[in-house]
Amino acid sequence: MLGRVVIAIVLQVFLLVPVAWADEVPIVGMVTSVDAVTGTLVVESASRGKTRQVTIYIRSDSRVVRFERAPGGRNPSFTERATPLSEVQPGWVVSVKTRHEGDREIAEIVRVVQER
């Protein structure tokens, strides 16, 4: 009996670990819609061969950034520039670090990876 309990606990731990790791991975995909009024961003993300639409909520403490080339000589660098959500366009590729609040994905930082 004790052996079955130990096996059940070990299985539960191993089944829960991938879920914890999944929360650490940013959501990467193409923006399909932006609503600056409601503060939402819909991203089409592909994972494990499946495509899904993820609605991401932008709050006042969320950051949206774009990279721009800093002036320089031979090796110009890039700097992050804060960008209002209203400037983000469908078709752009973003990487979003989120946190969960209930069943919602709340953006901590949205990084524009590619503008199309």
PDB file of N, CA and C in Angstrom:
ATOM      1  N   MET A   1       0.831  -1.207   0.000  1.00  0.00           N
ATOM      2  CA  MET A   1       0.000   0.000   0.000  1.00  0.00           C
ATOM      3  C   MET A   1       0.865   1.256   0.000  1.00  0.00           C
ATOM      4  N   LEU A   2       1.881   1.280   0.873  1.00  0.00           N
ATOM      5  CA  LEU A   2       2.769   2.442   0.951  1.00  0.00           C
ATOM      6  C   LEU A   2       3.499   2.657  -0.369  1.00  0.00           C
ATOM      7  N   GLY A   3       3.862   1.567  -1.037  1.00  0.00           N
ATOM      8  CA  GLY A   3       4.533   1.658  -2.336  1.00  0.00           C
ATOM      9  C   GLY A   3       3.659   2.336  -3.374  1.00  0.00           C
ATOM     10  N   ARG A   4       2.362   2.024  -3.383  1.00  0.00           N
ATOM     11  CA  ARG A   4       1.442   2.653  -4.335  1.00  0.00           C
ATOM     12  C   ARG A   4       1.288   4.143  -4.061  1.00  0.00           C
ATOM     13  N   VAL A   5       1.276   4.527  -2.793  1.00  0.00           N
ATOM     14  CA  VAL A   5       1.163   5.945  -2.435  1.00  0.00           C
ATOM     15  C   VAL A   5       2.399   6.697  -2.916  1.00  0.00           C
ATOM     16  N   VAL A   6       3.572   6.111  -2.688  1.00  0.00           N
ATOM     17  CA  VAL A   6       4.820   6.743  -3.128  1.00  0.00           C
ATOM     18  C   VAL A   6       4.841   6.877  -4.641  1.00  0.00           C
ATOM     19  N   ILE A   7       4.439   5.845  -5.353  1.00  0.00           N
ATOM     20  CA  ILE A   7       4.404   5.900  -6.823  1.00  0.00           C
ATOM     21  C   ILE A   7       3.425   6.969  -7.288  1.00  0.00           C
ATOM     22  N   ALA A   8       2.272   7.062  -6.650  1.00  0.00           N
ATOM     23  CA  ALA A   8       1.277   8.075  -7.017  1.00  0.00           C
ATOM     24  C   ALA A   8       1.827   9.477  -6.804  1.00  0.00           C
ATOM     25  N   ILE A   9       2.527   9.698  -5.706  1.00  0.00           N
ATOM     26  CA  ILE A   9       3.104  11.017  -5.432  1.00  0.00           C
ATOM     27  C   ILE A   9       4.183  11.352  -6.448  1.00  0.00           C
ATOM     28  N   VAL A  10       5.046  10.404  -6.750  1.00  0.00           N
ATOM     29  CA  VAL A  10       6.111  10.629  -7.736  1.00  0.00           C
ATOM     30  C   VAL A  10       5.519  10.953  -9.100  1.00  0.00           C
ATOM     31  N   LEU A  11       4.491  10.230  -9.516  1.00  0.00           N
ATOM     32  CA  LEU A  11       3.848  10.503 -10.800  1.00  0.00           C
ATOM     33  C   LEU A  11       3.225  11.896 -10.827  1.00  0.00           C
ATOM     34  N   GLN A  12       2.595  12.301  -9.743  1.00  0.00           N
ATOM     35  CA  GLN A  12       1.995  13.631  -9.694  1.00  0.00           C
ATOM     36  C   GLN A  12       3.057  14.705  -9.813  1.00  0.00           C
ATOM     37  N   VAL A  13       4.179  14.525  -9.148  1.00  0.00           N
ATOM     38  CA  VAL A  13       5.267  15.514  -9.234  1.00  0.00           C
ATOM     39  C   VAL A  13       5.757  15.612 -10.671  1.00  0.00           C
ATOM     40  N   PHE A  14       5.999  14.482 -11.336  1.00  0.00           N
ATOM     41  CA  PHE A  14       6.493  14.516 -12.706  1.00  0.00           C
ATOM     42  C   PHE A  14       5.455  15.049 -13.683  1.00  0.00           C
ATOM     43  N   LEU A  15       4.197  14.851 -13.410  1.00  0.00           N
ATOM     44  CA  LEU A  15       3.164  15.395 -14.284  1.00  0.00           C
ATOM     45  C   LEU A  15       3.001  16.889 -14.099  1.00  0.00           C
ATOM     46  N   LEU A  16       3.291  17.417 -12.932  1.00  0.00           N
ATOM     47  CA  LEU A  16       3.146  18.847 -12.674  1.00  0.00           C
ATOM     48  C   LEU A  16       4.359  19.654 -13.108  1.00  0.00           C
ATOM     49  N   VAL A  17       5.527  19.050 -13.174  1.00  0.00           N
ATOM     50  CA  VAL A  17       6.747  19.774 -13.527  1.00  0.00           C
ATOM     51  C   VAL A  17       6.662  20.414 -14.903  1.00  0.00           C
ATOM     52  N   PRO A  18       6.214  19.716 -15.969  1.00  0.00           N
ATOM     53  CA  PRO A  18       6.128  20.374 -17.271  1.00  0.00           C
ATOM     54  C   PRO A  18       5.199  21.588 -17.272  1.00  0.00           C
ATOM     55  N   VAL A  19       4.146  21.558 -16.483  1.00  0.00           N
ATOM     56  CA  VAL A  19       3.250  22.705 -16.402  1.00  0.00           C
ATOM     57  C   VAL A  19       3.988  23.900 -15.819  1.00  0.00           C
ATOM     58  N   ALA A  20       4.786  23.693 -14.797  1.00  0.00           N
ATOM     59  CA  ALA A  20       5.553  24.786 -14.200  1.00  0.00           C
ATOM     60  C   ALA A  20       6.567  25.333 -15.192  1.00  0.00           C
ATOM     61  N   TRP A  21       7.220  24.444 -15.966  1.00  0.00           N
ATOM     62  CA  TRP A  21       8.181  24.921 -16.958  1.00  0.00           C
ATOM     63  C   TRP A  21       7.495  25.696 -18.062  1.00  0.00           C
ATOM     64  N   ALA A  22       6.286  25.300 -18.443  1.00  0.00           N
ATOM     65  CA  ALA A  22       5.571  25.976 -19.522  1.00  0.00           C
ATOM     66  C   ALA A  22       5.265  27.423 -19.148  1.00  0.00           C
ATOM     67  N   ASP A  23       5.050  27.709 -17.885  1.00  0.00           N
ATOM     68  CA  ASP A  23       4.754  29.074 -17.460  1.00  0.00           C
ATOM     69  C   ASP A  23       5.949  29.999 -17.619  1.00  0.00           C
ATOM     70  N   GLU A  24       7.151  29.445 -17.657  1.00  0.00           N
ATOM     71  CA  GLU A  24       8.359  30.249 -17.757  1.00  0.00           C
ATOM     72  C   GLU A  24       8.690  30.626 -19.198  1.00  0.00           C
ATOM     73  N   VAL A  25       8.078  29.977 -20.166  1.00  0.00           N
ATOM     74  CA  VAL A  25       8.394  30.194 -21.570  1.00  0.00           C
ATOM     75  C   VAL A  25       7.573  31.364 -22.098  1.00  0.00           C
ATOM     76  N   PRO A  26       8.214  32.336 -22.785  1.00  0.00           N
ATOM     77  CA  PRO A  26       7.431  33.439 -23.344  1.00  0.00           C
ATOM     78  C   PRO A  26       6.540  32.964 -24.482  1.00  0.00           C
ATOM     79  N   ILE A  27       5.485  33.702 -24.728  1.00  0.00           N
ATOM     80  CA  ILE A  27       4.591  33.434 -25.847  1.00  0.00           C
ATOM     81  C   ILE A  27       5.166  34.195 -27.041  1.00  0.00           C
ATOM     82  N   VAL A  28       5.472  33.467 -28.099  1.00  0.00           N
ATOM     83  CA  VAL A  28       6.054  34.070 -29.292  1.00  0.00           C
ATOM     84  C   VAL A  28       5.127  33.803 -30.458  1.00  0.00           C
ATOM     85  N   GLY A  29       4.838  34.848 -31.226  1.00  0.00           N
ATOM     86  CA  GLY A  29       3.981  34.650 -32.380  1.00  0.00           C
ATOM     87  C   GLY A  29       3.673  35.945 -33.089  1.00  0.00           C
ATOM     88  N   MET A  30       2.765  35.835 -34.056  1.00  0.00           N
ATOM     89  CA  MET A  30       2.377  36.982 -34.865  1.00  0.00           C
ATOM     90  C   MET A  30       1.118  37.634 -34.288  1.00  0.00           C
ATOM     91  N   VAL A  31       1.140  38.951 -34.218  1.00  0.00           N
ATOM     92  CA  VAL A  31      -0.013  39.716 -33.742  1.00  0.00           C
ATOM     93  C   VAL A  31      -1.114  39.621 -34.794  1.00  0.00           C
ATOM     94  N   THR A  32      -2.308  39.210 -34.360  1.00  0.00           N
ATOM     95  CA  THR A  32      -3.439  39.151 -35.292  1.00  0.00           C
ATOM     96  C   THR A  32      -4.397  40.316 -35.071  1.00  0.00           C
ATOM     97  N   SER A  33      -4.438  40.856 -33.842  1.00  0.00           N
ATOM     98  CA  SER A  33      -5.267  42.048 -33.601  1.00  0.00           C
ATOM     99  C   SER A  33      -4.785  42.778 -32.357  1.00  0.00           C
ATOM    100  N   VAL A  34      -5.062  44.083 -32.353  1.00  0.00           N
ATOM    101  CA  VAL A  34      -4.696  44.955 -31.237  1.00  0.00           C
ATOM    102  C   VAL A  34      -5.897  45.825 -30.922  1.00  0.00           C
ATOM    103  N   ASP A  35      -6.231  45.929 -29.640  1.00  0.00           N
ATOM    104  CA  ASP A  35      -7.294  46.832 -29.209  1.00  0.00           C
ATOM    105  C   ASP A  35      -6.743  47.678 -28.073  1.00  0.00           C
ATOM    106  N   ALA A  36      -6.295  48.876 -28.414  1.00  0.00           N
ATOM    107  CA  ALA A  36      -5.686  49.755 -27.420  1.00  0.00           C
ATOM    108  C   ALA A  36      -6.719  50.254 -26.407  1.00  0.00           C
ATOM    109  N   VAL A  37      -7.988  50.309 -26.790  1.00  0.00           N
ATOM    110  CA  VAL A  37      -9.032  50.790 -25.887  1.00  0.00           C
ATOM    111  C   VAL A  37      -9.252  49.805 -24.740  1.00  0.00           C
ATOM    112  N   THR A  38      -9.360  48.505 -25.076  1.00  0.00           N
ATOM    113  CA  THR A  38      -9.568  47.499 -24.034  1.00  0.00           C
ATOM    114  C   THR A  38      -8.254  46.967 -23.483  1.00  0.00           C
ATOM    115  N   GLY A  39      -7.141  47.313 -24.138  1.00  0.00           N
ATOM    116  CA  GLY A  39      -5.834  46.873 -23.673  1.00  0.00           C
ATOM    117  C   GLY A  39      -5.589  45.395 -23.905  1.00  0.00           C
ATOM    118  N   THR A  40      -5.940  44.930 -25.105  1.00  0.00           N
ATOM    119  CA  THR A  40      -5.711  43.523 -25.429  1.00  0.00           C
ATOM    120  C   THR A  40      -4.917  43.385 -26.716  1.00  0.00           C
ATOM    121  N   LEU A  41      -4.228  42.276 -26.778  1.00  0.00           N
ATOM    122  CA  LEU A  41      -3.392  41.943 -27.919  1.00  0.00           C
ATOM    123  C   LEU A  41      -3.634  40.462 -28.186  1.00  0.00           C
ATOM    124  N   VAL A  42      -3.967  40.089 -29.412  1.00  0.00           N
ATOM    125  CA  VAL A  42      -4.165  38.682 -29.745  1.00  0.00           C
ATOM    126  C   VAL A  42      -2.966  38.228 -30.566  1.00  0.00           C
ATOM    127  N   VAL A  43      -2.342  37.140 -30.103  1.00  0.00           N
ATOM    128  CA  VAL A  43      -1.143  36.609 -30.741  1.00  0.00           C
ATOM    129  C   VAL A  43      -1.423  35.189 -31.213  1.00  0.00           C
ATOM    130  N   GLU A  44      -1.070  34.915 -32.470  1.00  0.00           N
ATOM    131  CA  GLU A  44      -1.175  33.563 -33.001  1.00  0.00           C
ATOM    132  C   GLU A  44       0.167  32.883 -32.742  1.00  0.00           C
ATOM    133  N   SER A  45       0.134  31.862 -31.908  1.00  0.00           N
ATOM    134  CA  SER A  45       1.352  31.190 -31.472  1.00  0.00           C
ATOM    135  C   SER A  45       1.306  29.727 -31.865  1.00  0.00           C
ATOM    136  N   ALA A  46       2.439  29.204 -32.323  1.00  0.00           N
ATOM    137  CA  ALA A  46       2.529  27.786 -32.677  1.00  0.00           C
ATOM    138  C   ALA A  46       3.406  27.082 -31.653  1.00  0.00           C
ATOM    139  N   SER A  47       2.926  25.941 -31.180  1.00  0.00           N
ATOM    140  CA  SER A  47       3.682  25.149 -30.220  1.00  0.00           C
ATOM    141  C   SER A  47       3.346  23.687 -30.426  1.00  0.00           C
ATOM    142  N   ARG A  48       4.368  22.878 -30.566  1.00  0.00           N
ATOM    143  CA  ARG A  48       4.201  21.438 -30.739  1.00  0.00           C
ATOM    144  C   ARG A  48       3.302  21.103 -31.920  1.00  0.00           C
ATOM    145  N   GLY A  49       3.452  21.852 -32.998  1.00  0.00           N
ATOM    146  CA  GLY A  49       2.700  21.576 -34.215  1.00  0.00           C
ATOM    147  C   GLY A  49       1.272  22.079 -34.218  1.00  0.00           C
ATOM    148  N   LYS A  50       0.851  22.763 -33.160  1.00  0.00           N
ATOM    149  CA  LYS A  50      -0.517  23.281 -33.092  1.00  0.00           C
ATOM    150  C   LYS A  50      -0.477  24.800 -33.007  1.00  0.00           C
ATOM    151  N   THR A  51      -1.419  25.438 -33.677  1.00  0.00           N
ATOM    152  CA  THR A  51      -1.531  26.891 -33.643  1.00  0.00           C
ATOM    153  C   THR A  51      -2.682  27.266 -32.735  1.00  0.00           C
ATOM    154  N   ARG A  52      -2.463  28.311 -31.923  1.00  0.00           N
ATOM    155  CA  ARG A  52      -3.536  28.775 -31.038  1.00  0.00           C
ATOM    156  C   ARG A  52      -3.536  30.295 -31.001  1.00  0.00           C
ATOM    157  N   GLN A  53      -4.693  30.852 -30.723  1.00  0.00           N
ATOM    158  CA  GLN A  53      -4.861  32.291 -30.557  1.00  0.00           C
ATOM    159  C   GLN A  53      -4.827  32.582 -29.064  1.00  0.00           C
ATOM    160  N   VAL A  54      -3.926  33.455 -28.644  1.00  0.00           N
ATOM    161  CA  VAL A  54      -3.788  33.797 -27.227  1.00  0.00           C
ATOM    162  C   VAL A  54      -4.132  35.275 -27.052  1.00  0.00           C
ATOM    163  N   THR A  55      -5.117  35.546 -26.203  1.00  0.00           N
ATOM    164  CA  THR A  55      -5.454  36.932 -25.873  1.00  0.00           C
ATOM    165  C   THR A  55      -4.611  37.339 -24.682  1.00  0.00           C
ATOM    166  N   ILE A  56      -3.870  38.420 -24.854  1.00  0.00           N
ATOM    167  CA  ILE A  56      -2.976  38.921 -23.811  1.00  0.00           C
ATOM    168  C   ILE A  56      -3.496  40.278 -23.359  1.00  0.00           C
ATOM    169  N   TYR A  57      -3.598  40.432 -22.064  1.00  0.00           N
ATOM    170  CA  TYR A  57      -4.110  41.670 -21.483  1.00  0.00           C
ATOM    171  C   TYR A  57      -2.949  42.573 -21.082  1.00  0.00           C
ATOM    172  N   ILE A  58      -3.037  43.825 -21.508  1.00  0.00           N
ATOM    173  CA  ILE A  58      -2.004  44.812 -21.206  1.00  0.00           C
ATOM    174  C   ILE A  58      -2.524  45.682 -20.068  1.00  0.00           C
ATOM    175  N   ARG A  59      -1.753  45.746 -19.007  1.00  0.00           N
ATOM    176  CA  ARG A  59      -2.128  46.561 -17.846  1.00  0.00           C
ATOM    177  C   ARG A  59      -1.235  47.796 -17.773  1.00  0.00           C
ATOM    178  N   SER A  60      -1.503  48.663 -16.829  1.00  0.00           N
ATOM    179  CA  SER A  60      -0.712  49.893 -16.688  1.00  0.00           C
ATOM    180  C   SER A  60       0.741  49.599 -16.325  1.00  0.00           C
ATOM    181  N   ASP A  61       0.993  48.463 -15.667  1.00  0.00           N
ATOM    182  CA  ASP A  61       2.373  48.119 -15.311  1.00  0.00           C
ATOM    183  C   ASP A  61       3.053  47.246 -16.371  1.00  0.00           C
ATOM    184  N   SER A  62       2.359  46.926 -17.461  1.00  0.00           N
ATOM    185  CA  SER A  62       2.955  46.154 -18.566  1.00  0.00           C
ATOM    186  C   SER A  62       3.835  47.085 -19.395  1.00  0.00           C
ATOM    187  N   ARG A  63       4.894  46.509 -19.957  1.00  0.00           N
ATOM    188  CA  ARG A  63       5.784  47.300 -20.823  1.00  0.00           C
ATOM    189  C   ARG A  63       5.702  46.758 -22.245  1.00  0.00           C
ATOM    190  N   VAL A  64       5.633  47.663 -23.207  1.00  0.00           N
ATOM    191  CA  VAL A  64       5.686  47.313 -24.621  1.00  0.00           C
ATOM    192  C   VAL A  64       6.914  48.014 -25.172  1.00  0.00           C
ATOM    193  N   VAL A  65       7.833  47.250 -25.785  1.00  0.00           N
ATOM    194  CA  VAL A  65       9.076  47.853 -26.274  1.00  0.00           C
ATOM    195  C   VAL A  65       9.383  47.404 -27.697  1.00  0.00           C
ATOM    196  N   ARG A  66      10.067  48.289 -28.408  1.00  0.00           N
ATOM    197  CA  ARG A  66      10.615  48.011 -29.731  1.00  0.00           C
ATOM    198  C   ARG A  66      12.110  48.252 -29.648  1.00  0.00           C
ATOM    199  N   PHE A  67      12.838  47.639 -30.527  1.00  0.00           N
ATOM    200  CA  PHE A  67      14.280  47.850 -30.581  1.00  0.00           C
ATOM    201  C   PHE A  67      14.589  48.819 -31.705  1.00  0.00           C
ATOM    202  N   GLU A  68      15.454  49.764 -31.426  1.00  0.00           N
ATOM    203  CA  GLU A  68      15.893  50.660 -32.488  1.00  0.00           C
ATOM    204  C   GLU A  68      17.412  50.764 -32.442  1.00  0.00           C
ATOM    205  N   ARG A  69      17.975  50.991 -33.588  1.00  0.00           N
ATOM    206  CA  ARG A  69      19.421  51.053 -33.711  1.00  0.00           C
ATOM    207  C   ARG A  69      19.931  52.365 -33.134  1.00  0.00           C
ATOM    208  N   ALA A  70      20.863  52.252 -32.225  1.00  0.00           N
ATOM    209  CA  ALA A  70      21.487  53.436 -31.643  1.00  0.00           C
ATOM    210  C   ALA A  70      22.577  53.910 -32.602  1.00  0.00           C
ATOM    211  N   PRO A  71      22.733  55.216 -32.733  1.00  0.00           N
ATOM    212  CA  PRO A  71      23.781  55.697 -33.634  1.00  0.00           C
ATOM    213  C   PRO A  71      25.150  55.258 -33.127  1.00  0.00           C
ATOM    214  N   GLY A  72      25.978  54.895 -34.049  1.00  0.00           N
ATOM    215  CA  GLY A  72      27.306  54.457 -33.649  1.00  0.00           C
ATOM    216  C   GLY A  72      28.179  54.245 -34.859  1.00  0.00           C
ATOM    217  N   GLY A  73      29.397  53.910 -34.595  1.00  0.00           N
ATOM    218  CA  GLY A  73      30.376  53.711 -35.654  1.00  0.00           C
ATOM    219  C   GLY A  73      30.214  52.362 -36.316  1.00  0.00           C
ATOM    220  N   ARG A  74      31.223  51.575 -36.211  1.00  0.00           N
ATOM    221  CA  ARG A  74      31.241  50.287 -36.891  1.00  0.00           C
ATOM    222  C   ARG A  74      30.290  49.268 -36.270  1.00  0.00           C
ATOM    223  N   ASN A  75      30.122  49.309 -34.988  1.00  0.00           N
ATOM    224  CA  ASN A  75      29.283  48.331 -34.294  1.00  0.00           C
ATOM    225  C   ASN A  75      28.116  49.021 -33.595  1.00  0.00           C
ATOM    226  N   PRO A  76      27.116  49.456 -34.358  1.00  0.00           N
ATOM    227  CA  PRO A  76      25.977  50.096 -33.707  1.00  0.00           C
ATOM    228  C   PRO A  76      25.221  49.097 -32.844  1.00  0.00           C
ATOM    229  N   SER A  77      24.693  49.568 -31.753  1.00  0.00           N
ATOM    230  CA  SER A  77      23.943  48.695 -30.859  1.00  0.00           C
ATOM    231  C   SER A  77      22.453  49.004 -30.978  1.00  0.00           C
ATOM    232  N   PHE A  78      21.673  48.205 -30.298  1.00  0.00           N
ATOM    233  CA  PHE A  78      20.233  48.398 -30.290  1.00  0.00           C
ATOM    234  C   PHE A  78      19.803  48.773 -28.881  1.00  0.00           C
ATOM    235  N   THR A  79      18.793  49.634 -28.794  1.00  0.00           N
ATOM    236  CA  THR A  79      18.249  50.012 -27.497  1.00  0.00           C
ATOM    237  C   THR A  79      16.746  49.746 -27.506  1.00  0.00           C
ATOM    238  N   GLU A  80      16.208  49.475 -26.319  1.00  0.00           N
ATOM    239  CA  GLU A  80      14.767  49.300 -26.181  1.00  0.00           C
ATOM    240  C   GLU A  80      14.115  50.667 -26.067  1.00  0.00           C
ATOM    241  N   ARG A  81      13.019  50.832 -26.785  1.00  0.00           N
ATOM    242  CA  ARG A  81      12.263  52.077 -26.698  1.00  0.00           C
ATOM    243  C   ARG A  81      10.830  51.727 -26.346  1.00  0.00           C
ATOM    244  N   ALA A  82      10.326  52.358 -25.290  1.00  0.00           N
ATOM    245  CA  ALA A  82       8.931  52.145 -24.898  1.00  0.00           C
ATOM    246  C   ALA A  82       8.024  52.570 -26.048  1.00  0.00           C
ATOM    247  N   THR A  83       7.005  51.759 -26.280  1.00  0.00           N
ATOM    248  CA  THR A  83       6.089  51.992 -27.389  1.00  0.00           C
ATOM    249  C   THR A  83       4.662  51.849 -26.891  1.00  0.00           C
ATOM    250  N   PRO A  84       3.775  52.775 -27.255  1.00  0.00           N
ATOM    251  CA  PRO A  84       2.373  52.600 -26.856  1.00  0.00           C
ATOM    252  C   PRO A  84       1.752  51.413 -27.601  1.00  0.00           C
ATOM    253  N   LEU A  85       0.817  50.758 -26.967  1.00  0.00           N
ATOM    254  CA  LEU A  85       0.148  49.607 -27.566  1.00  0.00           C
ATOM    255  C   LEU A  85      -0.507  49.983 -28.894  1.00  0.00           C
ATOM    256  N   SER A  86      -0.965  51.203 -29.008  1.00  0.00           N
ATOM    257  CA  SER A  86      -1.640  51.641 -30.233  1.00  0.00           C
ATOM    258  C   SER A  86      -0.725  51.622 -31.457  1.00  0.00           C
ATOM    259  N   GLU A  87       0.592  51.596 -31.270  1.00  0.00           N
ATOM    260  CA  GLU A  87       1.530  51.550 -32.401  1.00  0.00           C
ATOM    261  C   GLU A  87       1.800  50.133 -32.882  1.00  0.00           C
ATOM    262  N   VAL A  88       1.462  49.130 -32.072  1.00  0.00           N
ATOM    263  CA  VAL A  88       1.689  47.737 -32.466  1.00  0.00           C
ATOM    264  C   VAL A  88       0.691  47.386 -33.564  1.00  0.00           C
ATOM    265  N   GLN A  89       1.179  46.724 -34.620  1.00  0.00           N
ATOM    266  CA  GLN A  89       0.354  46.433 -35.785  1.00  0.00           C
ATOM    267  C   GLN A  89       0.187  44.936 -35.999  1.00  0.00           C
ATOM    268  N   PRO A  90      -0.980  44.522 -36.534  1.00  0.00           N
ATOM    269  CA  PRO A  90      -1.138  43.117 -36.924  1.00  0.00           C
ATOM    270  C   PRO A  90      -0.058  42.747 -37.938  1.00  0.00           C
ATOM    271  N   GLY A  91       0.445  41.524 -37.812  1.00  0.00           N
ATOM    272  CA  GLY A  91       1.514  41.058 -38.692  1.00  0.00           C
ATOM    273  C   GLY A  91       2.884  41.126 -38.047  1.00  0.00           C
ATOM    274  N   TRP A  92       3.023  41.934 -37.009  1.00  0.00           N
ATOM    275  CA  TRP A  92       4.299  42.017 -36.314  1.00  0.00           C
ATOM    276  C   TRP A  92       4.503  40.751 -35.481  1.00  0.00           C
ATOM    277  N   VAL A  93       5.747  40.382 -35.298  1.00  0.00           N
ATOM    278  CA  VAL A  93       6.085  39.231 -34.473  1.00  0.00           C
ATOM    279  C   VAL A  93       6.532  39.750 -33.109  1.00  0.00           C
ATOM    280  N   VAL A  94       5.965  39.168 -32.041  1.00  0.00           N
ATOM    281  CA  VAL A  94       6.280  39.612 -30.684  1.00  0.00           C
ATOM    282  C   VAL A  94       6.659  38.423 -29.803  1.00  0.00           C
ATOM    283  N   SER A  95       7.377  38.747 -28.742  1.00  0.00           N
ATOM    284  CA  SER A  95       7.676  37.790 -27.680  1.00  0.00           C
ATOM    285  C   SER A  95       7.115  38.412 -26.411  1.00  0.00           C
ATOM    286  N   VAL A  96       6.257  37.662 -25.705  1.00  0.00           N
ATOM    287  CA  VAL A  96       5.551  38.221 -24.561  1.00  0.00           C
ATOM    288  C   VAL A  96       5.801  37.376 -23.316  1.00  0.00           C
ATOM    289  N   LYS A  97       6.321  38.012 -22.288  1.00  0.00           N
ATOM    290  CA  LYS A  97       6.442  37.353 -20.988  1.00  0.00           C
ATOM    291  C   LYS A  97       5.170  37.692 -20.219  1.00  0.00           C
ATOM    292  N   THR A  98       4.477  36.652 -19.751  1.00  0.00           N
ATOM    293  CA  THR A  98       3.193  36.869 -19.087  1.00  0.00           C
ATOM    294  C   THR A  98       3.180  36.251 -17.697  1.00  0.00           C
ATOM    295  N   ARG A  99       2.156  36.631 -16.963  1.00  0.00           N
ATOM    296  CA  ARG A  99       1.844  35.975 -15.691  1.00  0.00           C
ATOM    297  C   ARG A  99       0.355  35.626 -15.749  1.00  0.00           C
ATOM    298  N   HIS A 100      -0.032  34.633 -14.990  1.00  0.00           N
ATOM    299  CA  HIS A 100      -1.424  34.195 -14.986  1.00  0.00           C
ATOM    300  C   HIS A 100      -2.196  34.895 -13.882  1.00  0.00           C
ATOM    301  N   GLU A 101      -3.390  35.349 -14.221  1.00  0.00           N
ATOM    302  CA  GLU A 101      -4.365  35.839 -13.245  1.00  0.00           C
ATOM    303  C   GLU A 101      -5.674  35.157 -13.600  1.00  0.00           C
ATOM    304  N   GLY A 102      -5.984  34.114 -12.877  1.00  0.00           N
ATOM    305  CA  GLY A 102      -7.159  33.315 -13.226  1.00  0.00           C
ATOM    306  C   GLY A 102      -6.909  32.627 -14.545  1.00  0.00           C
ATOM    307  N   ASP A 103      -7.792  32.843 -15.515  1.00  0.00           N
ATOM    308  CA  ASP A 103      -7.618  32.237 -16.833  1.00  0.00           C
ATOM    309  C   ASP A 103      -7.062  33.231 -17.848  1.00  0.00           C
ATOM    310  N   ARG A 104      -6.574  34.366 -17.389  1.00  0.00           N
ATOM    311  CA  ARG A 104      -6.042  35.403 -18.275  1.00  0.00           C
ATOM    312  C   ARG A 104      -4.518  35.422 -18.283  1.00  0.00           C
ATOM    313  N   GLU A 105      -3.976  35.788 -19.449  1.00  0.00           N
ATOM    314  CA  GLU A 105      -2.544  36.007 -19.601  1.00  0.00           C
ATOM    315  C   GLU A 105      -2.319  37.517 -19.508  1.00  0.00           C
ATOM    316  N   ILE A 106      -1.617  37.953 -18.471  1.00  0.00           N
ATOM    317  CA  ILE A 106      -1.339  39.376 -18.255  1.00  0.00           C
ATOM    318  C   ILE A 106       0.101  39.642 -18.676  1.00  0.00           C
ATOM    319  N   ALA A 107       0.303  40.587 -19.565  1.00  0.00           N
ATOM    320  CA  ALA A 107       1.645  40.882 -20.074  1.00  0.00           C
ATOM    321  C   ALA A 107       2.484  41.584 -19.029  1.00  0.00           C
ATOM    322  N   GLU A 108       3.699  41.082 -18.840  1.00  0.00           N
ATOM    323  CA  GLU A 108       4.698  41.816 -18.061  1.00  0.00           C
ATOM    324  C   GLU A 108       5.505  42.672 -19.021  1.00  0.00           C
ATOM    325  N   ILE A 109       5.969  42.042 -20.118  1.00  0.00           N
ATOM    326  CA  ILE A 109       6.684  42.793 -21.150  1.00  0.00           C
ATOM    327  C   ILE A 109       6.389  42.198 -22.525  1.00  0.00           C
ATOM    328  N   VAL A 110       6.106  43.071 -23.468  1.00  0.00           N
ATOM    329  CA  VAL A 110       5.887  42.697 -24.859  1.00  0.00           C
ATOM    330  C   VAL A 110       7.066  43.265 -25.644  1.00  0.00           C
ATOM    331  N   ARG A 111       7.823  42.388 -26.283  1.00  0.00           N
ATOM    332  CA  ARG A 111       8.969  42.836 -27.087  1.00  0.00           C
ATOM    333  C   ARG A 111       8.633  42.606 -28.561  1.00  0.00           C
ATOM    334  N   VAL A 112       8.695  43.665 -29.349  1.00  0.00           N
ATOM    335  CA  VAL A 112       8.486  43.541 -30.790  1.00  0.00           C
ATOM    336  C   VAL A 112       9.761  42.953 -31.377  1.00  0.00           C
ATOM    337  N   VAL A 113       9.649  41.791 -31.985  1.00  0.00           N
ATOM    338  CA  VAL A 113      10.803  41.092 -32.542  1.00  0.00           C
ATOM    339  C   VAL A 113      11.002  41.464 -33.999  1.00  0.00           C
ATOM    340  N   GLN A 114       9.893  41.564 -34.746  1.00  0.00           N
ATOM    341  CA  GLN A 114       9.996  41.903 -36.156  1.00  0.00           C
ATOM    342  C   GLN A 114       8.775  42.702 -36.576  1.00  0.00           C
ATOM    343  N   GLU A 115       9.029  43.781 -37.275  1.00  0.00           N
ATOM    344  CA  GLU A 115       7.935  44.609 -37.805  1.00  0.00           C
ATOM    345  C   GLU A 115       7.784  44.286 -39.272  1.00  0.00           C
ATOM    346  N   ARG A 116       6.564  44.003 -39.689  1.00  0.00           N
ATOM    347  CA  ARG A 116       6.307  43.668 -41.102  1.00  0.00           C
ATOM    348  C   ARG A 116       5.430  44.695 -41.733  1.00  0.00           C
TER     349      ARG A 116
END
